[in-house]
Amino acid sequence: GFIFGVLYYIALRTFYFSFDTTTLPILATVTTILIITLVGVIDDLLGWKLGLRQYQKPILTLIAALPIMVINVGQTEMILPIIGLVNFGLIYPLIIIPIAIVGASNGFNMLAGY
């Protein structure tokens, strides 16, 4: 319930009230971390045989990218080393952010040895 409450709060402040505060990125980051942690706990509690399948983990961690995608909707530019400022358009919030979050969480999971 806490995760969905924070998601609702972030969506409401971003889209309905159009507030741009510094607490919003913090809440989005905390929510993303909590969702990824929840996926890991569910996988560990269900155990080795009943745990989440390999294809289910990236799909569930893709849900964790939603809060950060929501707060970066208007953001389309990224500064890359050597190249400089690059405007990605909608590719940034819809593709680059989810790939980065899923890749980082699954990479960390692989370092755990499972």
PDB file of N, CA and C in Angstrom:
ATOM      1  N   GLY A   1       0.805  -1.179   0.000  1.00  0.00           N
ATOM      2  CA  GLY A   1       0.000   0.000   0.000  1.00  0.00           C
ATOM      3  C   GLY A   1       0.864   1.265   0.000  1.00  0.00           C
ATOM      4  N   PHE A   2       2.007   1.205   0.709  1.00  0.00           N
ATOM      5  CA  PHE A   2       2.884   2.374   0.790  1.00  0.00           C
ATOM      6  C   PHE A   2       3.418   2.757  -0.588  1.00  0.00           C
ATOM      7  N   ILE A   3       3.810   1.759  -1.355  1.00  0.00           N
ATOM      8  CA  ILE A   3       4.386   2.020  -2.673  1.00  0.00           C
ATOM      9  C   ILE A   3       3.359   2.681  -3.584  1.00  0.00           C
ATOM     10  N   PHE A   4       2.130   2.166  -3.581  1.00  0.00           N
ATOM     11  CA  PHE A   4       1.106   2.756  -4.437  1.00  0.00           C
ATOM     12  C   PHE A   4       0.684   4.135  -3.947  1.00  0.00           C
ATOM     13  N   GLY A   5       0.731   4.356  -2.640  1.00  0.00           N
ATOM     14  CA  GLY A   5       0.451   5.683  -2.104  1.00  0.00           C
ATOM     15  C   GLY A   5       1.478   6.703  -2.553  1.00  0.00           C
ATOM     16  N   VAL A   6       2.754   6.330  -2.517  1.00  0.00           N
ATOM     17  CA  VAL A   6       3.812   7.243  -2.966  1.00  0.00           C
ATOM     18  C   VAL A   6       3.711   7.465  -4.474  1.00  0.00           C
ATOM     19  N   LEU A   7       3.402   6.404  -5.232  1.00  0.00           N
ATOM     20  CA  LEU A   7       3.209   6.559  -6.675  1.00  0.00           C
ATOM     21  C   LEU A   7       2.068   7.524  -6.977  1.00  0.00           C
ATOM     22  N   TYR A   8       0.973   7.396  -6.239  1.00  0.00           N
ATOM     23  CA  TYR A   8      -0.175   8.288  -6.424  1.00  0.00           C
ATOM     24  C   TYR A   8       0.200   9.721  -6.078  1.00  0.00           C
ATOM     25  N   TYR A   9       0.938   9.912  -4.992  1.00  0.00           N
ATOM     26  CA  TYR A   9       1.373  11.248  -4.577  1.00  0.00           C
ATOM     27  C   TYR A   9       2.261  11.886  -5.641  1.00  0.00           C
ATOM     28  N   ILE A  10       3.192  11.125  -6.182  1.00  0.00           N
ATOM     29  CA  ILE A  10       4.091  11.646  -7.213  1.00  0.00           C
ATOM     30  C   ILE A  10       3.304  12.022  -8.467  1.00  0.00           C
ATOM     31  N   ALA A  11       2.408  11.142  -8.906  1.00  0.00           N
ATOM     32  CA  ALA A  11       1.619  11.429 -10.106  1.00  0.00           C
ATOM     33  C   ALA A  11       0.719  12.636  -9.896  1.00  0.00           C
ATOM     34  N   LEU A  12       0.098  12.743  -8.728  1.00  0.00           N
ATOM     35  CA  LEU A  12      -0.793  13.863  -8.436  1.00  0.00           C
ATOM     36  C   LEU A  12      -0.034  15.179  -8.420  1.00  0.00           C
ATOM     37  N   ARG A  13       1.114  15.224  -7.746  1.00  0.00           N
ATOM     38  CA  ARG A  13       1.889  16.472  -7.675  1.00  0.00           C
ATOM     39  C   ARG A  13       2.478  16.848  -9.027  1.00  0.00           C
ATOM     40  N   THR A  14       2.823  15.860  -9.834  1.00  0.00           N
ATOM     41  CA  THR A  14       3.440  16.157 -11.123  1.00  0.00           C
ATOM     42  C   THR A  14       2.412  16.599 -12.160  1.00  0.00           C
ATOM     43  N   PHE A  15       1.344  15.835 -12.317  1.00  0.00           N
ATOM     44  CA  PHE A  15       0.416  16.091 -13.415  1.00  0.00           C
ATOM     45  C   PHE A  15      -0.746  17.005 -13.043  1.00  0.00           C
ATOM     46  N   TYR A  16      -1.246  16.919 -11.820  1.00  0.00           N
ATOM     47  CA  TYR A  16      -2.418  17.712 -11.455  1.00  0.00           C
ATOM     48  C   TYR A  16      -2.034  19.088 -10.928  1.00  0.00           C
ATOM     49  N   PHE A  17      -1.105  19.141  -9.984  1.00  0.00           N
ATOM     50  CA  PHE A  17      -0.734  20.416  -9.374  1.00  0.00           C
ATOM     51  C   PHE A  17       0.458  21.087 -10.057  1.00  0.00           C
ATOM     52  N   SER A  18       1.188  20.356 -10.872  1.00  0.00           N
ATOM     53  CA  SER A  18       2.364  20.867 -11.594  1.00  0.00           C
ATOM     54  C   SER A  18       3.403  21.490 -10.671  1.00  0.00           C
ATOM     55  N   PHE A  19       3.628  20.864  -9.513  1.00  0.00           N
ATOM     56  CA  PHE A  19       4.657  21.342  -8.597  1.00  0.00           C
ATOM     57  C   PHE A  19       5.998  20.764  -9.004  1.00  0.00           C
ATOM     58  N   ASP A  20       7.010  21.590  -8.934  1.00  0.00           N
ATOM     59  CA  ASP A  20       8.365  21.130  -9.216  1.00  0.00           C
ATOM     60  C   ASP A  20       9.193  21.352  -7.957  1.00  0.00           C
ATOM     61  N   THR A  21       9.252  20.343  -7.116  1.00  0.00           N
ATOM     62  CA  THR A  21       9.977  20.462  -5.859  1.00  0.00           C
ATOM     63  C   THR A  21      11.111  19.452  -5.825  1.00  0.00           C
ATOM     64  N   THR A  22      11.998  19.622  -4.876  1.00  0.00           N
ATOM     65  CA  THR A  22      13.123  18.695  -4.762  1.00  0.00           C
ATOM     66  C   THR A  22      12.734  17.394  -4.079  1.00  0.00           C
ATOM     67  N   THR A  23      11.601  17.353  -3.397  1.00  0.00           N
ATOM     68  CA  THR A  23      11.189  16.106  -2.752  1.00  0.00           C
ATOM     69  C   THR A  23      10.685  15.091  -3.763  1.00  0.00           C
ATOM     70  N   LEU A  24      10.237  15.553  -4.897  1.00  0.00           N
ATOM     71  CA  LEU A  24       9.702  14.647  -5.901  1.00  0.00           C
ATOM     72  C   LEU A  24      10.740  13.653  -6.425  1.00  0.00           C
ATOM     73  N   PRO A  25      11.939  14.087  -6.821  1.00  0.00           N
ATOM     74  CA  PRO A  25      12.937  13.096  -7.256  1.00  0.00           C
ATOM     75  C   PRO A  25      13.350  12.139  -6.142  1.00  0.00           C
ATOM     76  N   ILE A  26      13.371  12.632  -4.923  1.00  0.00           N
ATOM     77  CA  ILE A  26      13.732  11.766  -3.798  1.00  0.00           C
ATOM     78  C   ILE A  26      12.669  10.695  -3.596  1.00  0.00           C
ATOM     79  N   LEU A  27      11.403  11.088  -3.609  1.00  0.00           N
ATOM     80  CA  LEU A  27      10.322  10.116  -3.446  1.00  0.00           C
ATOM     81  C   LEU A  27      10.291   9.123  -4.606  1.00  0.00           C
ATOM     82  N   ALA A  28      10.538   9.594  -5.808  1.00  0.00           N
ATOM     83  CA  ALA A  28      10.553   8.692  -6.959  1.00  0.00           C
ATOM     84  C   ALA A  28      11.690   7.678  -6.847  1.00  0.00           C
ATOM     85  N   THR A  29      12.839   8.133  -6.402  1.00  0.00           N
ATOM     86  CA  THR A  29      13.979   7.231  -6.239  1.00  0.00           C
ATOM     87  C   THR A  29      13.721   6.206  -5.144  1.00  0.00           C
ATOM     88  N   VAL A  30      13.167   6.662  -4.025  1.00  0.00           N
ATOM     89  CA  VAL A  30      12.851   5.746  -2.922  1.00  0.00           C
ATOM     90  C   VAL A  30      11.811   4.723  -3.358  1.00  0.00           C
ATOM     91  N   THR A  31      10.807   5.160  -4.097  1.00  0.00           N
ATOM     92  CA  THR A  31       9.781   4.242  -4.577  1.00  0.00           C
ATOM     93  C   THR A  31      10.372   3.214  -5.536  1.00  0.00           C
ATOM     94  N   THR A  32      11.242   3.643  -6.422  1.00  0.00           N
ATOM     95  CA  THR A  32      11.892   2.718  -7.348  1.00  0.00           C
ATOM     96  C   THR A  32      12.709   1.676  -6.591  1.00  0.00           C
ATOM     97  N   ILE A  33      13.455   2.123  -5.607  1.00  0.00           N
ATOM     98  CA  ILE A  33      14.262   1.198  -4.806  1.00  0.00           C
ATOM     99  C   ILE A  33      13.372   0.228  -4.032  1.00  0.00           C
ATOM    100  N   LEU A  34      12.262   0.717  -3.480  1.00  0.00           N
ATOM    101  CA  LEU A  34      11.348  -0.160  -2.738  1.00  0.00           C
ATOM    102  C   LEU A  34      10.718  -1.219  -3.637  1.00  0.00           C
ATOM    103  N   ILE A  35      10.340  -0.844  -4.846  1.00  0.00           N
ATOM    104  CA  ILE A  35       9.735  -1.821  -5.755  1.00  0.00           C
ATOM    105  C   ILE A  35      10.756  -2.884  -6.153  1.00  0.00           C
ATOM    106  N   ILE A  36      11.977  -2.469  -6.446  1.00  0.00           N
ATOM    107  CA  ILE A  36      13.021  -3.437  -6.798  1.00  0.00           C
ATOM    108  C   ILE A  36      13.335  -4.338  -5.603  1.00  0.00           C
ATOM    109  N   THR A  37      13.355  -3.769  -4.404  1.00  0.00           N
ATOM    110  CA  THR A  37      13.576  -4.562  -3.190  1.00  0.00           C
ATOM    111  C   THR A  37      12.453  -5.563  -2.988  1.00  0.00           C
ATOM    112  N   LEU A  38      11.228  -5.136  -3.230  1.00  0.00           N
ATOM    113  CA  LEU A  38      10.076  -6.022  -3.087  1.00  0.00           C
ATOM    114  C   LEU A  38      10.169  -7.200  -4.054  1.00  0.00           C
ATOM    115  N   VAL A  39      10.594  -6.950  -5.274  1.00  0.00           N
ATOM    116  CA  VAL A  39      10.778  -8.034  -6.245  1.00  0.00           C
ATOM    117  C   VAL A  39      11.847  -9.005  -5.748  1.00  0.00           C
ATOM    118  N   GLY A  40      12.947  -8.492  -5.207  1.00  0.00           N
ATOM    119  CA  GLY A  40      14.005  -9.351  -4.676  1.00  0.00           C
ATOM    120  C   GLY A  40      13.556 -10.167  -3.476  1.00  0.00           C
ATOM    121  N   VAL A  41      12.791  -9.549  -2.580  1.00  0.00           N
ATOM    122  CA  VAL A  41      12.297 -10.263  -1.397  1.00  0.00           C
ATOM    123  C   VAL A  41      11.326 -11.362  -1.808  1.00  0.00           C
ATOM    124  N   ILE A  42      10.436 -11.057  -2.741  1.00  0.00           N
ATOM    125  CA  ILE A  42       9.494 -12.076  -3.214  1.00  0.00           C
ATOM    126  C   ILE A  42      10.253 -13.236  -3.844  1.00  0.00           C
ATOM    127  N   ASP A  43      11.255 -12.938  -4.636  1.00  0.00           N
ATOM    128  CA  ASP A  43      12.050 -13.986  -5.274  1.00  0.00           C
ATOM    129  C   ASP A  43      12.767 -14.842  -4.234  1.00  0.00           C
ATOM    130  N   ASP A  44      13.322 -14.212  -3.202  1.00  0.00           N
ATOM    131  CA  ASP A  44      14.040 -14.961  -2.166  1.00  0.00           C
ATOM    132  C   ASP A  44      13.097 -15.758  -1.272  1.00  0.00           C
ATOM    133  N   LEU A  45      11.952 -15.188  -0.938  1.00  0.00           N
ATOM    134  CA  LEU A  45      11.020 -15.888  -0.053  1.00  0.00           C
ATOM    135  C   LEU A  45      10.368 -17.084  -0.731  1.00  0.00           C
ATOM    136  N   LEU A  46      10.109 -16.963  -2.027  1.00  0.00           N
ATOM    137  CA  LEU A  46       9.507 -18.088  -2.734  1.00  0.00           C
ATOM    138  C   LEU A  46      10.491 -19.231  -2.916  1.00  0.00           C
ATOM    139  N   GLY A  47      11.751 -18.894  -2.817  1.00  0.00           N
ATOM    140  CA  GLY A  47      12.756 -19.959  -2.850  1.00  0.00           C
ATOM    141  C   GLY A  47      13.272 -20.252  -4.236  1.00  0.00           C
ATOM    142  N   TRP A  48      14.141 -21.176  -4.281  1.00  0.00           N
ATOM    143  CA  TRP A  48      14.887 -21.563  -5.464  1.00  0.00           C
ATOM    144  C   TRP A  48      14.009 -22.206  -6.512  1.00  0.00           C
ATOM    145  N   LYS A  49      13.108 -23.100  -6.092  1.00  0.00           N
ATOM    146  CA  LYS A  49      12.278 -23.796  -7.074  1.00  0.00           C
ATOM    147  C   LYS A  49      11.015 -23.017  -7.414  1.00  0.00           C
ATOM    148  N   LEU A  50      10.455 -22.344  -6.419  1.00  0.00           N
ATOM    149  CA  LEU A  50       9.219 -21.603  -6.654  1.00  0.00           C
ATOM    150  C   LEU A  50       9.455 -20.128  -6.939  1.00  0.00           C
ATOM    151  N   GLY A  51      10.687 -19.694  -6.925  1.00  0.00           N
ATOM    152  CA  GLY A  51      11.012 -18.276  -7.112  1.00  0.00           C
ATOM    153  C   GLY A  51      10.594 -17.756  -8.478  1.00  0.00           C
ATOM    154  N   LEU A  52      10.836 -16.497  -8.686  1.00  0.00           N
ATOM    155  CA  LEU A  52      10.484 -15.875  -9.955  1.00  0.00           C
ATOM    156  C   LEU A  52      11.349 -16.429 -11.081  1.00  0.00           C
ATOM    157  N   ARG A  53      10.750 -16.590 -12.230  1.00  0.00           N
ATOM    158  CA  ARG A  53      11.484 -17.056 -13.404  1.00  0.00           C
ATOM    159  C   ARG A  53      12.375 -15.932 -13.927  1.00  0.00           C
ATOM    160  N   GLN A  54      13.326 -16.289 -14.778  1.00  0.00           N
ATOM    161  CA  GLN A  54      14.271 -15.307 -15.304  1.00  0.00           C
ATOM    162  C   GLN A  54      13.587 -14.225 -16.135  1.00  0.00           C
ATOM    163  N   TYR A  55      12.520 -14.559 -16.849  1.00  0.00           N
ATOM    164  CA  TYR A  55      11.832 -13.558 -17.660  1.00  0.00           C
ATOM    165  C   TYR A  55      10.910 -12.673 -16.826  1.00  0.00           C
ATOM    166  N   GLN A  56      10.516 -13.129 -15.637  1.00  0.00           N
ATOM    167  CA  GLN A  56       9.616 -12.347 -14.794  1.00  0.00           C
ATOM    168  C   GLN A  56      10.331 -11.209 -14.076  1.00  0.00           C
ATOM    169  N   LYS A  57      11.588 -11.400 -13.733  1.00  0.00           N
ATOM    170  CA  LYS A  57      12.327 -10.367 -12.992  1.00  0.00           C
ATOM    171  C   LYS A  57      12.474  -9.066 -13.784  1.00  0.00           C
ATOM    172  N   PRO A  58      12.888  -9.090 -15.057  1.00  0.00           N
ATOM    173  CA  PRO A  58      12.961  -7.818 -15.789  1.00  0.00           C
ATOM    174  C   PRO A  58      11.600  -7.162 -15.984  1.00  0.00           C
ATOM    175  N   ILE A  59      10.566  -7.964 -16.174  1.00  0.00           N
ATOM    176  CA  ILE A  59       9.228  -7.390 -16.350  1.00  0.00           C
ATOM    177  C   ILE A  59       8.770  -6.701 -15.071  1.00  0.00           C
ATOM    178  N   LEU A  60       9.006  -7.329 -13.931  1.00  0.00           N
ATOM    179  CA  LEU A  60       8.597  -6.723 -12.662  1.00  0.00           C
ATOM    180  C   LEU A  60       9.454  -5.517 -12.302  1.00  0.00           C
ATOM    181  N   THR A  61      10.735  -5.552 -12.641  1.00  0.00           N
ATOM    182  CA  THR A  61      11.561  -4.381 -12.352  1.00  0.00           C
ATOM    183  C   THR A  61      11.289  -3.249 -13.335  1.00  0.00           C
ATOM    184  N   LEU A  62      10.684  -3.553 -14.467  1.00  0.00           N
ATOM    185  CA  LEU A  62      10.266  -2.505 -15.396  1.00  0.00           C
ATOM    186  C   LEU A  62       9.199  -1.620 -14.753  1.00  0.00           C
ATOM    187  N   ILE A  63       8.371  -2.206 -13.906  1.00  0.00           N
ATOM    188  CA  ILE A  63       7.369  -1.436 -13.162  1.00  0.00           C
ATOM    189  C   ILE A  63       8.062  -0.440 -12.235  1.00  0.00           C
ATOM    190  N   ALA A  64       9.223  -0.809 -11.737  1.00  0.00           N
ATOM    191  CA  ALA A  64       9.964   0.079 -10.834  1.00  0.00           C
ATOM    192  C   ALA A  64      10.458   1.333 -11.538  1.00  0.00           C
ATOM    193  N   ALA A  65      10.550   1.305 -12.847  1.00  0.00           N
ATOM    194  CA  ALA A  65      11.010   2.475 -13.597  1.00  0.00           C
ATOM    195  C   ALA A  65       9.933   3.545 -13.716  1.00  0.00           C
ATOM    196  N   LEU A  66       8.691   3.209 -13.452  1.00  0.00           N
ATOM    197  CA  LEU A  66       7.589   4.162 -13.637  1.00  0.00           C
ATOM    198  C   LEU A  66       7.742   5.468 -12.865  1.00  0.00           C
ATOM    199  N   PRO A  67       8.084   5.467 -11.572  1.00  0.00           N
ATOM    200  CA  PRO A  67       8.197   6.758 -10.876  1.00  0.00           C
ATOM    201  C   PRO A  67       9.246   7.682 -11.482  1.00  0.00           C
ATOM    202  N   ILE A  68      10.383   7.144 -11.870  1.00  0.00           N
ATOM    203  CA  ILE A  68      11.424   7.992 -12.447  1.00  0.00           C
ATOM    204  C   ILE A  68      11.044   8.408 -13.865  1.00  0.00           C
ATOM    205  N   MET A  69      10.325   7.552 -14.589  1.00  0.00           N
ATOM    206  CA  MET A  69       9.832   7.938 -15.904  1.00  0.00           C
ATOM    207  C   MET A  69       8.838   9.091 -15.792  1.00  0.00           C
ATOM    208  N   VAL A  70       7.982   9.041 -14.783  1.00  0.00           N
ATOM    209  CA  VAL A  70       6.956  10.075 -14.605  1.00  0.00           C
ATOM    210  C   VAL A  70       7.587  11.433 -14.321  1.00  0.00           C
ATOM    211  N   ILE A  71       8.590  11.490 -13.457  1.00  0.00           N
ATOM    212  CA  ILE A  71       9.160  12.802 -13.127  1.00  0.00           C
ATOM    213  C   ILE A  71      10.082  13.322 -14.222  1.00  0.00           C
ATOM    214  N   ASN A  72      10.474  12.475 -15.172  1.00  0.00           N
ATOM    215  CA  ASN A  72      11.333  12.913 -16.274  1.00  0.00           C
ATOM    216  C   ASN A  72      10.587  13.041 -17.593  1.00  0.00           C
ATOM    217  N   VAL A  73       9.260  13.187 -17.549  1.00  0.00           N
ATOM    218  CA  VAL A  73       8.469  13.271 -18.771  1.00  0.00           C
ATOM    219  C   VAL A  73       8.887  14.451 -19.635  1.00  0.00           C
ATOM    220  N   GLY A  74       9.106  15.613 -19.068  1.00  0.00           N
ATOM    221  CA  GLY A  74       9.488  16.785 -19.845  1.00  0.00           C
ATOM    222  C   GLY A  74      10.966  16.860 -20.172  1.00  0.00           C
ATOM    223  N   GLN A  75      11.747  15.988 -19.605  1.00  0.00           N
ATOM    224  CA  GLN A  75      13.203  15.989 -19.792  1.00  0.00           C
ATOM    225  C   GLN A  75      13.544  15.172 -21.031  1.00  0.00           C
ATOM    226  N   THR A  76      14.195  15.780 -21.994  1.00  0.00           N
ATOM    227  CA  THR A  76      14.553  15.049 -23.212  1.00  0.00           C
ATOM    228  C   THR A  76      16.034  15.142 -23.540  1.00  0.00           C
ATOM    229  N   GLU A  77      16.783  15.900 -22.758  1.00  0.00           N
ATOM    230  CA  GLU A  77      18.196  16.108 -23.065  1.00  0.00           C
ATOM    231  C   GLU A  77      19.093  15.435 -22.033  1.00  0.00           C
ATOM    232  N   MET A  78      20.248  14.975 -22.518  1.00  0.00           N
ATOM    233  CA  MET A  78      21.224  14.349 -21.646  1.00  0.00           C
ATOM    234  C   MET A  78      22.612  14.812 -22.080  1.00  0.00           C
ATOM    235  N   ILE A  79      23.475  15.063 -21.114  1.00  0.00           N
ATOM    236  CA  ILE A  79      24.850  15.446 -21.430  1.00  0.00           C
ATOM    237  C   ILE A  79      25.710  14.185 -21.439  1.00  0.00           C
ATOM    238  N   LEU A  80      26.295  13.887 -22.580  1.00  0.00           N
ATOM    239  CA  LEU A  80      27.154  12.722 -22.736  1.00  0.00           C
ATOM    240  C   LEU A  80      28.610  13.167 -22.793  1.00  0.00           C
ATOM    241  N   PRO A  81      29.519  12.370 -22.226  1.00  0.00           N
ATOM    242  CA  PRO A  81      30.933  12.732 -22.304  1.00  0.00           C
ATOM    243  C   PRO A  81      31.391  12.800 -23.764  1.00  0.00           C
ATOM    244  N   ILE A  82      32.264  13.691 -24.057  1.00  0.00           N
ATOM    245  CA  ILE A  82      32.865  13.941 -25.373  1.00  0.00           C
ATOM    246  C   ILE A  82      31.850  14.534 -26.363  1.00  0.00           C
ATOM    247  N   ILE A  83      30.642  14.004 -26.418  1.00  0.00           N
ATOM    248  CA  ILE A  83      29.637  14.467 -27.382  1.00  0.00           C
ATOM    249  C   ILE A  83      28.997  15.774 -26.934  1.00  0.00           C
ATOM    250  N   GLY A  84      28.643  15.861 -25.665  1.00  0.00           N
ATOM    251  CA  GLY A  84      27.986  17.055 -25.143  1.00  0.00           C
ATOM    252  C   GLY A  84      26.490  16.841 -24.977  1.00  0.00           C
ATOM    253  N   LEU A  85      25.714  17.895 -25.160  1.00  0.00           N
ATOM    254  CA  LEU A  85      24.269  17.859 -24.963  1.00  0.00           C
ATOM    255  C   LEU A  85      23.592  17.174 -26.146  1.00  0.00           C
ATOM    256  N   VAL A  86      22.785  16.143 -25.848  1.00  0.00           N
ATOM    257  CA  VAL A  86      22.072  15.401 -26.883  1.00  0.00           C
ATOM    258  C   VAL A  86      20.594  15.408 -26.530  1.00  0.00           C
ATOM    259  N   ASN A  87      19.747  15.751 -27.496  1.00  0.00           N
ATOM    260  CA  ASN A  87      18.306  15.735 -27.297  1.00  0.00           C
ATOM    261  C   ASN A  87      17.765  14.406 -27.822  1.00  0.00           C
ATOM    262  N   PHE A  88      17.267  13.564 -26.922  1.00  0.00           N
ATOM    263  CA  PHE A  88      16.757  12.250 -27.295  1.00  0.00           C
ATOM    264  C   PHE A  88      15.265  12.251 -27.581  1.00  0.00           C
ATOM    265  N   GLY A  89      14.565  13.297 -27.221  1.00  0.00           N
ATOM    266  CA  GLY A  89      13.119  13.336 -27.407  1.00  0.00           C
ATOM    267  C   GLY A  89      12.431  12.379 -26.450  1.00  0.00           C
ATOM    268  N   LEU A  90      11.404  11.703 -26.929  1.00  0.00           N
ATOM    269  CA  LEU A  90      10.654  10.768 -26.082  1.00  0.00           C
ATOM    270  C   LEU A  90      11.408   9.478 -25.795  1.00  0.00           C
ATOM    271  N   ILE A  91      12.495   9.247 -26.507  1.00  0.00           N
ATOM    272  CA  ILE A  91      13.280   8.031 -26.268  1.00  0.00           C
ATOM    273  C   ILE A  91      13.873   8.036 -24.859  1.00  0.00           C
ATOM    274  N   TYR A  92      14.219   9.220 -24.352  1.00  0.00           N
ATOM    275  CA  TYR A  92      14.850   9.300 -23.025  1.00  0.00           C
ATOM    276  C   TYR A  92      13.939   8.783 -21.915  1.00  0.00           C
ATOM    277  N   PRO A  93      12.731   9.351 -21.711  1.00  0.00           N
ATOM    278  CA  PRO A  93      11.928   8.845 -20.594  1.00  0.00           C
ATOM    279  C   PRO A  93      11.275   7.496 -20.863  1.00  0.00           C
ATOM    280  N   LEU A  94      11.036   7.162 -22.123  1.00  0.00           N
ATOM    281  CA  LEU A  94      10.300   5.931 -22.415  1.00  0.00           C
ATOM    282  C   LEU A  94      11.178   4.712 -22.676  1.00  0.00           C
ATOM    283  N   ILE A  95      12.439   4.914 -23.049  1.00  0.00           N
ATOM    284  CA  ILE A  95      13.297   3.768 -23.369  1.00  0.00           C
ATOM    285  C   ILE A  95      14.591   3.756 -22.565  1.00  0.00           C
ATOM    286  N   ILE A  96      15.302   4.872 -22.517  1.00  0.00           N
ATOM    287  CA  ILE A  96      16.616   4.890 -21.866  1.00  0.00           C
ATOM    288  C   ILE A  96      16.497   4.683 -20.357  1.00  0.00           C
ATOM    289  N   ILE A  97      15.562   5.371 -19.708  1.00  0.00           N
ATOM    290  CA  ILE A  97      15.399   5.225 -18.251  1.00  0.00           C
ATOM    291  C   ILE A  97      15.004   3.797 -17.866  1.00  0.00           C
ATOM    292  N   PRO A  98      13.989   3.185 -18.514  1.00  0.00           N
ATOM    293  CA  PRO A  98      13.666   1.796 -18.139  1.00  0.00           C
ATOM    294  C   PRO A  98      14.807   0.816 -18.385  1.00  0.00           C
ATOM    295  N   ILE A  99      15.528   0.973 -19.488  1.00  0.00           N
ATOM    296  CA  ILE A  99      16.654   0.068 -19.760  1.00  0.00           C
ATOM    297  C   ILE A  99      17.732   0.228 -18.690  1.00  0.00           C
ATOM    298  N   ALA A 100      17.993   1.464 -18.278  1.00  0.00           N
ATOM    299  CA  ALA A 100      19.011   1.702 -17.250  1.00  0.00           C
ATOM    300  C   ALA A 100      18.605   1.086 -15.914  1.00  0.00           C
ATOM    301  N   ILE A 101      17.355   1.237 -15.521  1.00  0.00           N
ATOM    302  CA  ILE A 101      16.904   0.711 -14.227  1.00  0.00           C
ATOM    303  C   ILE A 101      16.856  -0.811 -14.245  1.00  0.00           C
ATOM    304  N   VAL A 102      16.301  -1.389 -15.298  1.00  0.00           N
ATOM    305  CA  VAL A 102      16.242  -2.855 -15.389  1.00  0.00           C
ATOM    306  C   VAL A 102      17.649  -3.437 -15.482  1.00  0.00           C
ATOM    307  N   GLY A 103      18.519  -2.804 -16.254  1.00  0.00           N
ATOM    308  CA  GLY A 103      19.894  -3.292 -16.381  1.00  0.00           C
ATOM    309  C   GLY A 103      20.658  -3.221 -15.072  1.00  0.00           C
ATOM    310  N   ALA A 104      20.509  -2.115 -14.349  1.00  0.00           N
ATOM    311  CA  ALA A 104      21.221  -1.967 -13.072  1.00  0.00           C
ATOM    312  C   ALA A 104      20.712  -2.957 -12.034  1.00  0.00           C
ATOM    313  N   SER A 105      19.395  -3.121 -11.947  1.00  0.00           N
ATOM    314  CA  SER A 105      18.859  -4.026 -10.924  1.00  0.00           C
ATOM    315  C   SER A 105      19.181  -5.483 -11.246  1.00  0.00           C
ATOM    316  N   ASN A 106      19.096  -5.873 -12.501  1.00  0.00           N
ATOM    317  CA  ASN A 106      19.423  -7.253 -12.859  1.00  0.00           C
ATOM    318  C   ASN A 106      20.922  -7.513 -12.795  1.00  0.00           C
ATOM    319  N   GLY A 107      21.726  -6.507 -13.095  1.00  0.00           N
ATOM    320  CA  GLY A 107      23.174  -6.656 -12.936  1.00  0.00           C
ATOM    321  C   GLY A 107      23.554  -6.864 -11.484  1.00  0.00           C
ATOM    322  N   PHE A 108      22.919  -6.115 -10.595  1.00  0.00           N
ATOM    323  CA  PHE A 108      23.166  -6.283  -9.165  1.00  0.00           C
ATOM    324  C   PHE A 108      22.702  -7.658  -8.699  1.00  0.00           C
ATOM    325  N   ASN A 109      21.582  -8.124  -9.226  1.00  0.00           N
ATOM    326  CA  ASN A 109      21.066  -9.443  -8.874  1.00  0.00           C
ATOM    327  C   ASN A 109      22.031 -10.539  -9.330  1.00  0.00           C
ATOM    328  N   MET A 110      22.636 -10.373 -10.495  1.00  0.00           N
ATOM    329  CA  MET A 110      23.597 -11.372 -10.980  1.00  0.00           C
ATOM    330  C   MET A 110      24.869 -11.385 -10.144  1.00  0.00           C
ATOM    331  N   LEU A 111      25.252 -10.235  -9.592  1.00  0.00           N
ATOM    332  CA  LEU A 111      26.426 -10.188  -8.723  1.00  0.00           C
ATOM    333  C   LEU A 111      26.200 -10.966  -7.428  1.00  0.00           C
ATOM    334  N   ALA A 112      24.947 -11.141  -7.052  1.00  0.00           N
ATOM    335  CA  ALA A 112      24.631 -11.889  -5.841  1.00  0.00           C
ATOM    336  C   ALA A 112      24.856 -13.386  -6.041  1.00  0.00           C
ATOM    337  N   GLY A 113      24.999 -13.816  -7.279  1.00  0.00           N
ATOM    338  CA  GLY A 113      25.295 -15.218  -7.537  1.00  0.00           C
ATOM    339  C   GLY A 113      24.094 -16.064  -7.857  1.00  0.00           C
ATOM    340  N   TYR A 114      22.964 -15.450  -8.134  1.00  0.00           N
ATOM    341  CA  TYR A 114      21.766 -16.237  -8.438  1.00  0.00           C
ATOM    342  C   TYR A 114      21.376 -16.068  -9.872  1.00  0.00           C
TER     343      TYR A 114
END
